[in-house]
């Protein structure tokens, strides 16, 4: 629980950032780490609050034992804190960087708007554990003789593959891209999480017995039936990549793109992958309009500034949220309140209650602007409120509709849920086809990395139990 009176004596503190004028000049991480002494102080603020909402389903899907490792850090037992943290989370250096921290929203101290800096402590523990050499391959003492295929190298697939390998199975992970990581590598910009963290984990997993097969697009250049034939179980963790369709006039103009190709191409550049054969998507010297109010839109904003955009405007159809939520209405659940990401703080113009009416272009077929209108609570345009924003590049970041059906899922022929995701229940993670399981965004729809890790771990446990009749893997 930390220091008994810590929350009364110590103020909440978070790491500082490099100035925006400096950080937009590079694509690396820009958080300035806090000293260990200051991290210990933040851990000391953890209360003896009776019911720690921070690590229930509301606060932490992987059920990190947050009060326990806060207390261990407060007592300077960092190695045991790292062991505790890794007992529930395979990749805490990922979540410590990119999770939106629902645990902090659920923290009892958030009733006073000063929650424990849980995410900061988590990243500090994970980074120190790796830096100190405490994170080593956990090689199974005995092999089971069972062979499992995992499709998709995102956080769900990686977590499942690591758990299954540690249980003694022969695990083969099939990834379409040249490297593992999924959207962690190809969607989330390096300024939020550098990819050396993924490389460290893939090296660890290879030492634990996971075999990675890159360039394997299952259902396209590798038949799914081959995996079903050659493995005792197949786990599908292919993600939710199909963008939500946009029905707006003017989408055909040059310079109008979905967000993900824009983000993926820049991440490939940073990773020294060859993108010379692709249509170059860049914000350099342009007026950029980002349509959407979520994390992907924010990533487009930060990437645009780093590419040299003249101006970036973000359109959000939702009304401007309140500065602070009503605690008694929302706590301990995730609350709607005004949040400003580091990317938005770099100079974005944010337009709320802004509906995108039409994209405007010239005779040459190039985009020149976006016609907008203010919308009411029902998101209907308000007559007379129209306005036009200049645009040389329009990025559509309005979410994802579900997994891609063509290829692997069509070949599988299993059932979908009502939203078009691959159906599998959350107890067994079995699809409606024998020996085939599903986890992560492909099963639940677009979600958080922490949910992907949880589902990968739980699916691994289910597979281990079905193959062996028993399991020691945690749920």
Protein backbone atom coordinates (compact mmCIF):
# COMPACT_ATOMS: atom_id res chain seq x y z
CA UNK A 1 0.00 0.00 0.00
CA UNK A 2 3.01 2.33 0.21
CA UNK A 3 3.44 4.85 3.04
CA UNK A 4 0.47 5.07 5.40
CA UNK A 5 0.34 8.86 5.25
CA UNK A 6 1.97 9.19 1.82
CA UNK A 7 -1.13 10.42 0.01
CA UNK A 8 -1.42 13.23 2.56
CA UNK A 9 2.22 14.30 2.43
CA UNK A 10 3.29 13.77 -1.19
CA UNK A 11 1.81 15.47 -4.23
CA UNK A 12 1.07 13.62 -7.45
CA UNK A 13 3.87 14.03 -9.96
CA UNK A 14 4.25 12.86 -13.55
CA UNK A 15 7.26 12.76 -15.87
CA UNK A 16 7.92 15.92 -17.84
CA UNK A 17 8.17 16.09 -21.63
CA UNK A 18 10.74 17.66 -23.87
CA UNK A 19 9.47 21.07 -25.07
CA UNK A 20 7.14 20.76 -28.04
CA UNK A 21 9.52 22.86 -30.15
CA UNK A 22 12.22 20.22 -29.61
CA UNK A 23 10.27 16.98 -29.70
CA UNK A 24 8.52 17.65 -33.01
CA UNK A 25 11.97 17.57 -34.65
CA UNK A 26 12.35 13.83 -34.12
CA UNK A 27 10.32 10.62 -33.89
CA UNK A 28 11.86 9.25 -30.67
CA UNK A 29 10.26 9.04 -27.24
CA UNK A 30 10.33 12.42 -25.51
CA UNK A 31 9.33 11.64 -21.91
CA UNK A 32 12.00 12.68 -19.40
CA UNK A 33 12.29 9.79 -16.88
CA UNK A 34 11.87 10.59 -13.21
CA UNK A 35 14.56 9.66 -10.71
CA UNK A 36 14.10 6.47 -8.71
CA UNK A 37 13.64 8.51 -5.54
CA UNK A 38 10.73 10.40 -7.08
CA UNK A 39 9.22 7.15 -8.34
CA UNK A 40 9.43 5.75 -4.81
CA UNK A 41 7.59 8.84 -3.56
CA UNK A 42 4.81 8.29 -6.10
CA UNK A 43 4.48 4.64 -5.09
CA UNK A 44 4.30 5.77 -1.46
CA UNK A 45 1.05 7.61 -2.23
CA UNK A 46 -0.84 4.31 -2.67
CA UNK A 47 -3.54 4.14 -0.01
CA UNK A 48 -4.84 1.34 2.17
CA UNK A 49 -8.23 1.92 0.53
CA UNK A 50 -9.93 -1.36 1.43
CA UNK A 51 -11.33 -2.12 -2.02
CA UNK A 52 -8.63 -1.31 -4.59
CA UNK A 53 -10.70 -0.60 -7.70
CA UNK A 54 -7.49 -0.01 -9.64
CA UNK A 55 -6.91 -3.71 -10.36
CA UNK A 56 -10.44 -4.96 -10.94
CA UNK A 57 -11.90 -5.32 -14.42
CA UNK A 58 -12.87 -1.66 -14.34
CA UNK A 59 -9.34 -0.47 -13.63
CA UNK A 60 -6.98 -3.09 -15.06
CA UNK A 61 -8.07 -5.83 -17.46
CA UNK A 62 -4.91 -7.89 -16.77
CA UNK A 63 -5.49 -7.51 -13.02
CA UNK A 64 -2.09 -6.05 -12.20
CA UNK A 65 -1.58 -6.24 -8.44
CA UNK A 66 -1.02 -2.52 -8.24
CA UNK A 67 -1.06 -1.96 -4.44
CA UNK A 68 1.39 -4.84 -4.02
CA UNK A 69 4.06 -3.55 -6.37
CA UNK A 70 3.58 0.03 -5.19
CA UNK A 71 4.39 -1.19 -1.69
CA UNK A 72 7.41 -3.14 -2.95
CA UNK A 73 8.78 -0.07 -4.76
CA UNK A 74 8.18 2.05 -1.66
CA UNK A 75 10.29 -0.48 0.26
CA UNK A 76 12.94 -0.45 -2.50
CA UNK A 77 12.41 -4.10 -3.42
CA UNK A 78 12.37 -3.40 -7.14
CA UNK A 79 13.24 -6.92 -8.22
CA UNK A 80 10.29 -8.45 -6.38
CA UNK A 81 8.10 -5.65 -7.73
CA UNK A 82 9.20 -6.62 -11.25
CA UNK A 83 8.42 -10.28 -10.60
CA UNK A 84 4.98 -9.36 -9.29
CA UNK A 85 4.29 -7.09 -12.25
CA UNK A 86 5.32 -9.73 -14.80
CA UNK A 87 3.12 -12.33 -13.09
CA UNK A 88 0.05 -10.66 -14.59
CA UNK A 89 1.43 -8.72 -17.57
CA UNK A 90 3.82 -10.14 -20.17
CA UNK A 91 4.79 -6.73 -21.52
CA UNK A 92 4.51 -3.99 -18.86
CA UNK A 93 6.95 -1.76 -20.74
CA UNK A 94 4.30 -1.61 -23.51
CA UNK A 95 1.38 -0.78 -21.25
CA UNK A 96 3.48 1.58 -19.15
CA UNK A 97 3.91 3.69 -22.29
CA UNK A 98 0.70 3.46 -24.29
CA UNK A 99 -2.12 2.30 -22.02
CA UNK A 100 -4.55 5.17 -21.25
CA UNK A 101 -4.42 4.05 -17.59
CA UNK A 102 -8.01 3.24 -16.62
CA UNK A 103 -6.40 2.15 -13.33
CA UNK A 104 -5.74 5.79 -12.51
CA UNK A 105 -9.34 6.74 -13.32
CA UNK A 106 -10.44 4.01 -10.87
CA UNK A 107 -7.95 4.99 -8.16
CA UNK A 108 -9.63 6.14 -4.94
CA UNK A 109 -7.45 9.24 -4.93
CA UNK A 110 -8.98 10.23 -8.28
CA UNK A 111 -12.02 11.30 -6.28
CA UNK A 112 -9.80 14.30 -5.53
CA UNK A 113 -8.30 14.41 -9.06
CA UNK A 114 -4.88 13.31 -7.78
CA UNK A 115 -4.69 9.55 -8.47
CA UNK A 116 -1.55 7.55 -7.79
CA UNK A 117 0.78 7.79 -10.79
CA UNK A 118 0.32 4.08 -11.48
CA UNK A 119 1.32 4.13 -15.13
CA UNK A 120 4.54 5.99 -14.32
CA UNK A 121 5.49 3.49 -11.61
CA UNK A 122 4.66 0.55 -13.90
CA UNK A 123 6.94 1.80 -16.68
CA UNK A 124 9.72 2.52 -14.19
CA UNK A 125 9.55 -1.03 -12.79
CA UNK A 126 9.53 -2.61 -16.26
CA UNK A 127 12.38 -0.48 -17.59
CA UNK A 128 14.53 -1.08 -14.50
CA UNK A 129 13.87 -4.82 -14.68
CA UNK A 130 15.05 -4.98 -18.30
CA UNK A 131 17.99 -2.65 -17.69
CA UNK A 132 19.08 -4.69 -14.66
CA UNK A 133 18.93 -8.02 -16.48
CA UNK A 134 16.15 -9.44 -14.33
CA UNK A 135 13.99 -10.27 -17.35
CA UNK A 136 15.30 -13.53 -18.73
CA UNK A 137 13.85 -16.23 -21.00
CA UNK A 138 11.65 -18.67 -19.06
CA UNK A 139 12.33 -21.93 -20.83
CA UNK A 140 9.93 -24.81 -20.21
CA UNK A 141 11.54 -27.69 -18.30
CA UNK A 142 9.54 -30.25 -20.23
CA UNK A 143 8.07 -30.31 -23.73
CA UNK A 144 4.51 -31.50 -24.21
CA UNK A 145 4.87 -32.71 -27.79
CA UNK A 146 1.94 -30.50 -28.80
CA UNK A 147 2.24 -27.98 -31.63
CA UNK A 148 0.30 -24.69 -31.63
CA UNK A 149 0.00 -22.04 -34.37
CA UNK A 150 -0.65 -18.42 -33.43
CA UNK A 151 -1.71 -16.11 -36.26
CA UNK A 152 -0.90 -12.45 -35.69
CA UNK A 153 2.10 -10.88 -33.99
CA UNK A 154 0.34 -8.10 -32.11
CA UNK A 155 0.11 -7.96 -28.30
CA UNK A 156 -2.59 -10.67 -28.11
CA UNK A 157 -0.65 -13.09 -30.32
CA UNK A 158 2.66 -12.34 -28.62
CA UNK A 159 1.23 -12.80 -25.12
CA UNK A 160 -0.47 -16.07 -26.07
CA UNK A 161 2.61 -17.43 -27.83
CA UNK A 162 4.84 -16.64 -24.87
CA UNK A 163 2.47 -18.29 -22.38
CA UNK A 164 2.07 -21.40 -24.55
CA UNK A 165 5.83 -21.74 -25.04
CA UNK A 166 6.38 -21.50 -21.30
CA UNK A 167 3.84 -24.30 -20.88
CA UNK A 168 6.08 -26.50 -23.02
CA UNK A 169 4.28 -26.43 -26.37
CA UNK A 170 5.99 -26.05 -29.73
CA UNK A 171 4.69 -22.61 -30.73
CA UNK A 172 4.81 -21.13 -34.22
CA UNK A 173 3.75 -17.49 -34.65
CA UNK A 174 2.74 -16.45 -38.19
CA UNK A 175 2.96 -12.75 -39.00
CA UNK A 176 2.07 -11.02 -42.26
CA UNK A 177 4.54 -8.17 -41.80
CA UNK A 178 8.37 -8.29 -41.85
CA UNK A 179 8.48 -7.85 -38.06
CA UNK A 180 6.29 -8.65 -35.07
CA UNK A 181 4.30 -6.15 -33.04
CA UNK A 182 1.12 -5.54 -35.03
CA UNK A 183 -0.22 -2.03 -34.50
CA UNK A 184 2.31 -1.59 -31.69
CA UNK A 185 4.96 -1.51 -34.39
CA UNK A 186 3.12 -0.29 -37.47
CA UNK A 187 0.33 1.87 -36.06
CA UNK A 188 1.49 3.52 -32.85
CA UNK A 189 4.15 6.15 -33.62
CA UNK A 190 7.69 5.73 -32.30
CA UNK A 191 7.38 8.94 -30.29
CA UNK A 192 4.87 7.09 -28.11
CA UNK A 193 6.77 3.78 -28.03
CA UNK A 194 10.08 3.04 -29.69
CA UNK A 195 10.25 -0.38 -31.31
CA UNK A 196 13.35 -1.61 -29.51
CA UNK A 197 10.97 -2.66 -26.73
CA UNK A 198 9.21 -5.06 -29.12
CA UNK A 199 12.54 -6.35 -30.42
CA UNK A 200 13.64 -7.16 -26.88
CA UNK A 201 10.53 -9.27 -26.31
CA UNK A 202 10.73 -11.12 -29.63
CA UNK A 203 14.34 -12.06 -28.79
CA UNK A 204 13.21 -13.30 -25.38
CA UNK A 205 10.37 -15.30 -26.95
CA UNK A 206 12.68 -16.90 -29.52
CA UNK A 207 14.91 -18.05 -26.67
CA UNK A 208 11.82 -19.52 -24.99
CA UNK A 209 11.07 -21.59 -28.08
CA UNK A 210 8.65 -19.48 -30.14
CA UNK A 211 9.34 -19.73 -33.88
CA UNK A 212 8.41 -16.59 -35.84
CA UNK A 213 7.31 -16.89 -39.47
CA UNK A 214 7.32 -13.46 -41.13
CA UNK A 215 5.71 -12.56 -44.44
CA UNK A 216 3.08 -15.25 -43.83
CA UNK A 217 -0.31 -13.82 -44.75
CA UNK A 218 -2.59 -16.64 -43.69
CA UNK A 219 -5.44 -17.19 -46.10
CA UNK A 220 -3.56 -15.34 -48.85
CA UNK A 221 -0.08 -16.77 -49.41
CA UNK A 222 -0.34 -19.50 -46.76
CA UNK A 223 -3.58 -21.54 -46.58
CA UNK A 224 -5.20 -21.67 -43.16
CA UNK A 225 -5.90 -25.35 -43.82
CA UNK A 226 -2.15 -26.01 -43.70
CA UNK A 227 -2.02 -24.67 -40.14
CA UNK A 228 -5.09 -26.65 -39.13
CA UNK A 229 -3.58 -29.82 -40.56
CA UNK A 230 -0.10 -29.39 -39.08
CA UNK A 231 -0.95 -28.11 -35.58
CA UNK A 232 -2.91 -29.38 -32.60
CA UNK A 233 -4.50 -25.96 -32.11
CA UNK A 234 -4.68 -22.68 -34.02
CA UNK A 235 -5.18 -19.32 -32.30
CA UNK A 236 -6.27 -16.39 -34.47
CA UNK A 237 -5.15 -12.96 -33.25
CA UNK A 238 -5.29 -11.06 -36.53
CA UNK A 239 -6.59 -7.77 -35.18
CA UNK A 240 -9.39 -5.47 -36.31
CA UNK A 241 -8.09 -3.63 -39.35
CA UNK A 242 -11.11 -2.89 -41.52
CA UNK A 243 -11.68 0.89 -41.34
CA UNK A 244 -15.12 2.25 -40.67
CA UNK A 245 -16.49 3.41 -43.99
CA UNK A 246 -16.90 7.13 -44.53
CA UNK A 247 -19.84 8.35 -46.58
CA UNK A 248 -18.88 11.91 -47.41
CA UNK A 249 -18.84 13.72 -50.71
CA UNK A 250 -15.36 14.37 -52.10
CA UNK A 251 -13.52 11.33 -50.76
CA UNK A 252 -12.14 10.70 -54.23
CA UNK A 253 -9.90 13.77 -54.27
CA UNK A 254 -6.14 13.35 -54.15
CA UNK A 255 -4.86 13.93 -50.64
CA UNK A 256 -7.75 12.20 -48.83
CA UNK A 257 -6.61 9.07 -47.01
CA UNK A 258 -7.54 6.79 -44.16
CA UNK A 259 -5.35 7.26 -41.09
CA UNK A 260 -3.69 3.86 -40.92
CA UNK A 261 -1.84 3.88 -44.27
CA UNK A 262 -0.46 7.31 -43.29
CA UNK A 263 0.74 6.10 -39.87
CA UNK A 264 2.01 2.74 -41.10
CA UNK A 265 4.10 4.30 -43.85
CA UNK A 266 5.80 6.69 -41.44
CA UNK A 267 6.55 3.88 -39.00
CA UNK A 268 8.10 1.90 -41.85
CA UNK A 269 10.29 4.89 -42.67
CA UNK A 270 11.43 5.20 -39.06
CA UNK A 271 12.12 1.44 -39.03
CA UNK A 272 14.26 1.72 -42.19
CA UNK A 273 11.84 -0.33 -44.27
CA UNK A 274 11.66 0.46 -47.98
CA UNK A 275 8.55 2.47 -48.86
CA UNK A 276 9.87 3.91 -52.13
CA UNK A 277 7.39 1.91 -54.21
CA UNK A 278 4.39 3.29 -52.30
CA UNK A 279 2.48 6.51 -52.90
CA UNK A 280 4.21 8.89 -50.52
CA UNK A 281 1.86 10.15 -47.81
CA UNK A 282 3.36 13.17 -46.12
CA UNK A 283 2.14 16.27 -44.31
CA UNK A 284 5.28 18.29 -45.08
CA UNK A 285 4.38 21.87 -46.02
CA UNK A 286 0.65 21.15 -45.92
CA UNK A 287 -2.48 22.24 -44.12
CA UNK A 288 -3.74 19.02 -42.54
CA UNK A 289 -7.27 18.22 -41.39
CA UNK A 290 -7.73 15.12 -39.22
CA UNK A 291 -11.31 13.86 -39.01
CA UNK A 292 -11.89 12.00 -35.73
CA UNK A 293 -11.43 12.52 -32.01
CA UNK A 294 -9.74 9.35 -30.77
CA UNK A 295 -6.19 8.11 -30.18
CA UNK A 296 -5.58 7.33 -33.86
CA UNK A 297 -6.53 10.89 -34.78
CA UNK A 298 -4.15 12.18 -32.10
CA UNK A 299 -1.35 10.02 -33.53
CA UNK A 300 -2.02 11.56 -36.95
CA UNK A 301 -1.70 15.02 -35.40
CA UNK A 302 1.69 14.30 -33.81
CA UNK A 303 3.00 12.58 -36.93
CA UNK A 304 1.90 15.48 -39.12
CA UNK A 305 3.75 18.01 -36.99
CA UNK A 306 6.93 15.90 -37.13
CA UNK A 307 6.67 15.65 -40.90
CA UNK A 308 6.56 19.44 -41.17
CA UNK A 309 2.88 20.37 -41.47
CA UNK A 310 2.06 24.07 -41.66
CA UNK A 311 -1.10 23.68 -39.59
CA UNK A 312 -3.12 20.78 -38.21
CA UNK A 313 -6.84 20.94 -37.42
CA UNK A 314 -8.65 18.08 -35.70
CA UNK A 315 -12.41 17.72 -36.18
CA UNK A 316 -14.43 16.02 -33.46
CA UNK A 317 -18.17 15.54 -33.97
CA UNK A 318 -18.67 15.24 -30.22
CA UNK A 319 -19.30 18.31 -28.05
CA UNK A 320 -16.45 19.70 -26.00
CA UNK A 321 -16.35 17.62 -22.81
CA UNK A 322 -16.29 19.18 -19.34
CA UNK A 323 -12.95 19.98 -17.76
CA UNK A 324 -13.71 17.61 -14.87
CA UNK A 325 -16.21 14.80 -14.58
CA UNK A 326 -18.88 14.32 -11.93
CA UNK A 327 -17.05 11.86 -9.67
CA UNK A 328 -20.15 10.45 -8.05
CA UNK A 329 -21.63 9.71 -11.48
CA UNK A 330 -18.56 8.24 -13.16
CA UNK A 331 -16.03 6.95 -10.61
CA UNK A 332 -14.54 4.33 -10.73
CA UNK A 333 -15.41 3.97 -14.43
CA UNK A 334 -13.71 5.70 -17.35
CA UNK A 335 -15.11 9.21 -17.48
CA UNK A 336 -15.75 11.62 -20.32
CA UNK A 337 -13.77 14.76 -19.58
CA UNK A 338 -11.47 17.16 -21.39
CA UNK A 339 -8.21 15.42 -22.23
CA UNK A 340 -5.35 16.91 -24.21
CA UNK A 341 -2.80 14.50 -25.63
CA UNK A 342 0.86 15.42 -26.00
CA UNK A 343 0.32 15.58 -29.77
CA UNK A 344 -2.64 17.97 -29.48
CA UNK A 345 -0.56 20.12 -27.12
CA UNK A 346 2.01 20.57 -29.89
CA UNK A 347 -0.22 23.12 -31.61
CA UNK A 348 -3.32 21.43 -33.01
CA UNK A 349 -6.49 23.41 -33.59
CA UNK A 350 -9.36 21.39 -32.13
CA UNK A 351 -12.88 21.87 -33.41
CA UNK A 352 -15.66 20.26 -31.36
CA UNK A 353 -19.27 19.66 -32.46
CA UNK A 354 -17.88 19.79 -35.98
CA UNK A 355 -19.56 17.63 -38.59
CA UNK A 356 -17.76 16.93 -41.87
CA UNK A 357 -20.24 17.86 -44.61
CA UNK A 358 -18.15 17.72 -47.75
CA UNK A 359 -14.55 17.52 -48.92
CA UNK A 360 -13.71 20.18 -51.48
CA UNK A 361 -11.27 19.87 -54.36
CA UNK A 362 -10.11 21.69 -57.48
CA UNK A 363 -10.36 20.87 -61.18
CA UNK A 364 -7.06 19.00 -61.03
CA UNK A 365 -8.59 16.56 -58.56
CA UNK A 366 -6.62 17.73 -55.50
CA UNK A 367 -8.23 18.38 -52.12
CA UNK A 368 -8.38 22.06 -51.14
CA UNK A 369 -10.59 22.13 -48.07
CA UNK A 370 -13.20 20.58 -45.82
CA UNK A 371 -16.69 22.03 -45.48
CA UNK A 372 -17.96 21.63 -41.92
CA UNK A 373 -20.98 22.58 -39.86
CA UNK A 374 -21.70 22.72 -36.16
CA UNK A 375 -23.89 19.87 -35.01
CA UNK A 376 -26.42 19.55 -32.22
CA UNK A 377 -26.59 16.88 -29.53
CA UNK A 378 -28.06 14.45 -32.04
CA UNK A 379 -25.17 15.21 -34.41
CA UNK A 380 -27.45 16.93 -36.89
CA UNK A 381 -26.08 19.98 -38.77
CA UNK A 382 -27.20 23.37 -37.45
CA UNK A 383 -28.39 25.55 -40.36
CA UNK A 384 -26.22 28.59 -40.96
CA UNK A 385 -23.23 27.25 -39.01
CA UNK A 386 -21.23 26.11 -42.03
CA UNK A 387 -17.53 26.92 -42.34
CA UNK A 388 -14.61 25.80 -44.51
CA UNK A 389 -11.15 24.75 -43.36
CA UNK A 390 -8.27 24.87 -45.81
CA UNK A 391 -6.73 21.44 -46.41
CA UNK A 392 -4.01 19.94 -48.59
CA UNK A 393 -4.20 16.61 -46.73
CA UNK A 394 -7.27 15.05 -45.09
CA UNK A 395 -6.83 12.05 -42.80
CA UNK A 396 -9.90 10.00 -41.86
CA UNK A 397 -9.48 8.57 -38.36
CA UNK A 398 -12.96 7.50 -37.32
CA UNK A 399 -12.30 3.99 -36.05
CA UNK A 400 -12.49 0.41 -37.24
CA UNK A 401 -15.42 -1.75 -38.28
CA UNK A 402 -13.92 -5.14 -37.41
CA UNK A 403 -11.52 -7.75 -38.78
CA UNK A 404 -10.88 -8.23 -42.48
CA UNK A 405 -13.07 -11.13 -43.64
CA UNK A 406 -11.47 -11.76 -47.02
CA UNK A 407 -8.80 -14.44 -46.97
CA UNK A 408 -8.28 -16.21 -43.66
CA UNK A 409 -11.72 -15.78 -42.08
CA UNK A 410 -13.56 -16.59 -45.30
CA UNK A 411 -11.49 -19.76 -45.62
CA UNK A 412 -12.21 -20.65 -41.99
CA UNK A 413 -15.97 -20.28 -42.37
CA UNK A 414 -16.64 -19.85 -38.65
CA UNK A 415 -19.44 -17.78 -37.13
CA UNK A 416 -19.24 -14.02 -36.50
CA UNK A 417 -20.85 -12.02 -33.74
CA UNK A 418 -23.44 -9.35 -34.51
CA UNK A 419 -20.72 -6.75 -35.09
CA UNK A 420 -18.83 -8.87 -37.61
CA UNK A 421 -16.05 -9.98 -35.26
CA UNK A 422 -14.95 -13.61 -35.17
CA UNK A 423 -17.12 -15.28 -32.57
CA UNK A 424 -15.51 -16.92 -29.53
CA UNK A 425 -16.61 -16.84 -25.90
CA UNK A 426 -14.46 -15.42 -23.11
CA UNK A 427 -14.21 -18.66 -21.13
CA UNK A 428 -12.82 -21.03 -23.76
CA UNK A 429 -11.95 -18.63 -26.63
CA UNK A 430 -13.05 -21.39 -29.03
CA UNK A 431 -14.52 -20.46 -32.39
CA UNK A 432 -17.26 -22.58 -33.95
CA UNK A 433 -14.62 -24.60 -35.81
CA UNK A 434 -12.74 -27.41 -34.03
CA UNK A 435 -9.20 -26.71 -32.79
CA UNK A 436 -9.46 -23.02 -33.79
CA UNK A 437 -9.48 -20.25 -31.17
CA UNK A 438 -9.64 -16.44 -31.35
CA UNK A 439 -8.46 -13.62 -29.09
CA UNK A 440 -7.77 -9.91 -29.10
CA UNK A 441 -9.28 -7.33 -31.42
CA UNK A 442 -10.26 -9.98 -33.99
CA UNK A 443 -12.65 -11.37 -31.37
CA UNK A 444 -13.70 -8.31 -29.34
CA UNK A 445 -13.27 -5.46 -31.84
CA UNK A 446 -10.83 -2.56 -31.65
CA UNK A 447 -9.72 -2.11 -28.07
CA UNK A 448 -6.80 -1.37 -25.75
CA UNK A 449 -3.43 -3.12 -25.73
CA UNK A 450 -4.09 -4.20 -22.14
CA UNK A 451 -7.24 -6.04 -23.25
CA UNK A 452 -5.28 -7.73 -26.04
CA UNK A 453 -2.68 -8.99 -23.56
CA UNK A 454 -5.40 -10.25 -21.23
CA UNK A 455 -7.21 -12.12 -24.00
CA UNK A 456 -3.99 -13.63 -25.33
CA UNK A 457 -3.10 -14.92 -21.86
CA UNK A 458 -6.57 -16.33 -21.22
CA UNK A 459 -6.76 -17.97 -24.65
CA UNK A 460 -3.37 -19.60 -24.02
CA UNK A 461 -4.70 -21.03 -20.77
CA UNK A 462 -7.77 -22.42 -22.52
CA UNK A 463 -5.66 -24.03 -25.26
CA UNK A 464 -3.26 -25.53 -22.73
CA UNK A 465 -6.16 -26.99 -20.78
CA UNK A 466 -7.81 -28.45 -23.89
CA UNK A 467 -4.55 -30.03 -25.06
CA UNK A 468 -3.36 -31.37 -21.72
CA UNK A 469 -6.52 -31.82 -19.64
CA UNK A 470 -5.04 -29.50 -17.00
CA UNK A 471 -3.12 -26.24 -16.88
CA UNK A 472 -0.92 -24.21 -14.58
CA UNK A 473 -1.21 -21.06 -16.67
CA UNK A 474 -2.97 -18.19 -14.86
CA UNK A 475 -6.33 -16.91 -16.01
